[in-house]
N, C-alpha and C. Protein backbone atom coordinates (compact mmCIF):
# COMPACT_ATOMS: atom_id res chain seq x y z
N UNK A 1 51.81 -21.97 4.34
CA UNK A 1 50.67 -21.46 3.63
C UNK A 1 50.38 -20.05 4.12
N UNK A 2 50.29 -19.11 3.21
CA UNK A 2 50.03 -17.72 3.56
C UNK A 2 48.53 -17.44 3.56
N UNK A 3 48.04 -16.98 4.71
CA UNK A 3 46.62 -16.62 4.82
C UNK A 3 46.43 -15.20 4.28
N UNK A 4 45.35 -14.94 3.57
CA UNK A 4 45.13 -13.59 3.06
C UNK A 4 44.84 -12.61 4.19
N UNK A 5 45.28 -11.39 4.01
CA UNK A 5 45.00 -10.33 4.97
C UNK A 5 43.56 -9.90 4.76
N UNK A 6 42.69 -10.23 5.72
CA UNK A 6 41.27 -9.95 5.56
C UNK A 6 40.96 -8.46 5.47
N UNK A 7 41.72 -7.63 6.15
CA UNK A 7 41.51 -6.18 6.05
C UNK A 7 41.80 -5.69 4.65
N UNK A 8 42.88 -6.20 4.06
CA UNK A 8 43.23 -5.78 2.70
C UNK A 8 42.17 -6.27 1.70
N UNK A 9 41.73 -7.50 1.85
CA UNK A 9 40.70 -8.05 0.94
C UNK A 9 39.42 -7.25 1.07
N UNK A 10 39.04 -6.92 2.28
CA UNK A 10 37.82 -6.13 2.51
C UNK A 10 37.93 -4.75 1.89
N UNK A 11 39.09 -4.09 2.06
CA UNK A 11 39.29 -2.77 1.48
C UNK A 11 39.24 -2.83 -0.04
N UNK A 12 39.84 -3.85 -0.62
CA UNK A 12 39.85 -3.99 -2.08
C UNK A 12 38.44 -4.23 -2.61
N UNK A 13 37.70 -5.04 -1.91
CA UNK A 13 36.34 -5.33 -2.34
C UNK A 13 35.48 -4.08 -2.29
N UNK A 14 35.57 -3.33 -1.23
CA UNK A 14 34.76 -2.13 -1.08
C UNK A 14 35.20 -1.05 -2.06
N UNK A 15 36.48 -0.89 -2.24
CA UNK A 15 36.97 0.16 -3.12
C UNK A 15 36.88 -0.22 -4.58
N UNK A 16 37.03 -1.50 -4.89
CA UNK A 16 37.02 -1.94 -6.26
C UNK A 16 35.62 -1.97 -6.87
N UNK A 17 34.62 -2.14 -6.07
CA UNK A 17 33.26 -2.20 -6.59
C UNK A 17 32.38 -1.31 -5.72
N UNK A 18 32.35 -0.06 -6.05
CA UNK A 18 31.63 0.91 -5.22
C UNK A 18 30.13 0.66 -5.19
N UNK A 19 29.58 0.14 -6.27
CA UNK A 19 28.14 -0.10 -6.32
C UNK A 19 27.73 -1.12 -5.27
N UNK A 20 28.47 -2.22 -5.18
CA UNK A 20 28.13 -3.24 -4.19
C UNK A 20 28.48 -2.81 -2.78
N UNK A 21 29.51 -2.01 -2.63
CA UNK A 21 29.94 -1.59 -1.32
C UNK A 21 29.17 -0.41 -0.76
N UNK A 22 28.38 0.24 -1.58
CA UNK A 22 27.67 1.45 -1.17
C UNK A 22 26.50 1.10 -0.24
N UNK A 23 26.40 1.80 0.84
CA UNK A 23 25.30 1.62 1.78
C UNK A 23 24.09 2.39 1.28
N UNK A 24 22.88 1.86 1.54
CA UNK A 24 21.69 2.61 1.13
C UNK A 24 21.65 3.98 1.81
N UNK A 25 21.25 4.97 1.08
CA UNK A 25 21.18 6.32 1.63
C UNK A 25 19.78 6.59 2.14
N UNK A 26 19.67 7.67 2.87
CA UNK A 26 18.36 8.08 3.38
C UNK A 26 17.38 8.31 2.23
N UNK A 27 17.91 8.86 1.11
CA UNK A 27 17.06 9.13 -0.04
C UNK A 27 16.49 7.84 -0.62
N UNK A 28 17.29 6.78 -0.65
CA UNK A 28 16.79 5.51 -1.20
C UNK A 28 15.69 4.94 -0.31
N UNK A 29 15.82 5.12 1.00
CA UNK A 29 14.75 4.68 1.89
C UNK A 29 13.49 5.52 1.66
N UNK A 30 13.67 6.82 1.45
CA UNK A 30 12.53 7.71 1.19
C UNK A 30 11.84 7.33 -0.12
N UNK A 31 12.62 7.03 -1.14
CA UNK A 31 12.04 6.63 -2.43
C UNK A 31 11.28 5.32 -2.28
N UNK A 32 11.86 4.37 -1.56
CA UNK A 32 11.20 3.10 -1.33
C UNK A 32 9.89 3.30 -0.57
N UNK A 33 9.92 4.13 0.45
CA UNK A 33 8.70 4.41 1.21
C UNK A 33 7.64 5.08 0.34
N UNK A 34 8.06 6.01 -0.51
CA UNK A 34 7.12 6.69 -1.40
C UNK A 34 6.51 5.71 -2.40
N UNK A 35 7.33 4.83 -2.95
CA UNK A 35 6.81 3.84 -3.90
C UNK A 35 5.85 2.87 -3.21
N UNK A 36 6.14 2.50 -1.99
CA UNK A 36 5.23 1.64 -1.24
C UNK A 36 3.90 2.34 -0.99
N UNK A 37 3.97 3.62 -0.65
CA UNK A 37 2.76 4.39 -0.42
C UNK A 37 1.91 4.49 -1.69
N UNK A 38 2.56 4.74 -2.82
CA UNK A 38 1.84 4.82 -4.09
C UNK A 38 1.20 3.47 -4.41
N UNK A 39 1.93 2.40 -4.19
CA UNK A 39 1.42 1.06 -4.46
C UNK A 39 0.21 0.74 -3.57
N UNK A 40 0.31 1.05 -2.30
CA UNK A 40 -0.80 0.81 -1.37
C UNK A 40 -2.01 1.66 -1.73
N UNK A 41 -1.77 2.90 -2.12
CA UNK A 41 -2.86 3.79 -2.52
C UNK A 41 -3.55 3.27 -3.77
N UNK A 42 -2.77 2.82 -4.74
CA UNK A 42 -3.34 2.26 -5.97
C UNK A 42 -4.18 1.03 -5.66
N UNK A 43 -3.71 0.18 -4.77
CA UNK A 43 -4.47 -1.02 -4.39
C UNK A 43 -5.77 -0.63 -3.69
N UNK A 44 -5.73 0.38 -2.84
CA UNK A 44 -6.94 0.84 -2.15
C UNK A 44 -7.94 1.42 -3.14
N UNK A 45 -7.47 2.18 -4.11
CA UNK A 45 -8.35 2.77 -5.12
C UNK A 45 -8.99 1.66 -5.96
N UNK A 46 -8.20 0.66 -6.32
CA UNK A 46 -8.73 -0.45 -7.11
C UNK A 46 -9.81 -1.20 -6.33
N UNK A 47 -9.55 -1.47 -5.05
CA UNK A 47 -10.53 -2.16 -4.21
C UNK A 47 -11.81 -1.33 -4.08
N UNK A 48 -11.66 -0.02 -3.88
CA UNK A 48 -12.83 0.86 -3.78
C UNK A 48 -13.62 0.84 -5.08
N UNK A 49 -12.93 0.91 -6.21
CA UNK A 49 -13.58 0.91 -7.52
C UNK A 49 -14.36 -0.39 -7.73
N UNK A 50 -13.76 -1.51 -7.34
CA UNK A 50 -14.45 -2.80 -7.48
C UNK A 50 -15.68 -2.87 -6.59
N UNK A 51 -15.57 -2.35 -5.35
CA UNK A 51 -16.72 -2.35 -4.45
C UNK A 51 -17.82 -1.43 -4.96
N UNK A 52 -17.45 -0.30 -5.52
CA UNK A 52 -18.44 0.63 -6.07
C UNK A 52 -19.16 -0.01 -7.26
N UNK A 53 -18.43 -0.70 -8.10
CA UNK A 53 -19.04 -1.37 -9.25
C UNK A 53 -20.01 -2.45 -8.79
N UNK A 54 -19.63 -3.21 -7.77
CA UNK A 54 -20.52 -4.24 -7.24
C UNK A 54 -21.77 -3.62 -6.63
N UNK A 55 -21.61 -2.52 -5.93
CA UNK A 55 -22.75 -1.84 -5.32
C UNK A 55 -23.71 -1.34 -6.40
N UNK A 56 -23.16 -0.82 -7.47
CA UNK A 56 -24.01 -0.34 -8.57
C UNK A 56 -24.76 -1.49 -9.24
N UNK A 57 -24.12 -2.65 -9.32
CA UNK A 57 -24.78 -3.82 -9.90
C UNK A 57 -25.94 -4.29 -9.03
N UNK A 58 -25.81 -4.17 -7.72
CA UNK A 58 -26.86 -4.62 -6.80
C UNK A 58 -27.97 -3.59 -6.63
N UNK A 59 -27.68 -2.35 -6.90
CA UNK A 59 -28.65 -1.29 -6.67
C UNK A 59 -29.80 -1.40 -7.67
N UNK A 60 -31.03 -1.17 -7.20
CA UNK A 60 -32.16 -1.18 -8.13
C UNK A 60 -32.04 0.00 -9.09
N UNK A 61 -32.44 -0.25 -10.32
CA UNK A 61 -32.36 0.79 -11.33
C UNK A 61 -33.58 1.69 -11.19
N UNK A 62 -33.34 2.95 -11.01
CA UNK A 62 -34.41 3.93 -10.90
C UNK A 62 -34.21 4.94 -12.01
N UNK A 63 -35.28 5.21 -12.69
CA UNK A 63 -35.21 6.18 -13.77
C UNK A 63 -35.62 7.52 -13.20
N UNK A 64 -34.73 8.44 -13.28
CA UNK A 64 -35.04 9.79 -12.80
C UNK A 64 -35.56 10.60 -13.97
N UNK A 65 -36.59 11.34 -13.72
CA UNK A 65 -37.11 12.21 -14.75
C UNK A 65 -36.29 13.48 -14.77
N UNK A 66 -35.65 13.71 -15.88
CA UNK A 66 -34.79 14.86 -16.01
C UNK A 66 -35.49 15.88 -16.90
N UNK A 67 -35.60 17.03 -16.39
CA UNK A 67 -36.27 18.11 -17.14
C UNK A 67 -35.25 18.75 -18.07
N UNK A 68 -35.52 18.66 -19.33
CA UNK A 68 -34.62 19.23 -20.33
C UNK A 68 -34.94 20.71 -20.51
N UNK A 69 -33.97 21.52 -20.57
CA UNK A 69 -34.18 22.96 -20.76
C UNK A 69 -33.88 23.34 -22.15
């Protein structure tokens, strides 16, 4: 029984399918980090907006007299 040459199989796999064999680049890590930052920022803005809305609901309504010019 002939065992496959693992080095040859590995080389064929890496060369035959470059997309799967490609290592993540520094740029892909940077893009991922940027997307995570945007996502976290959006979540923080949403939470702040919800808290502000709740605070406005609890605040007593005061009518300010505005002088029209």
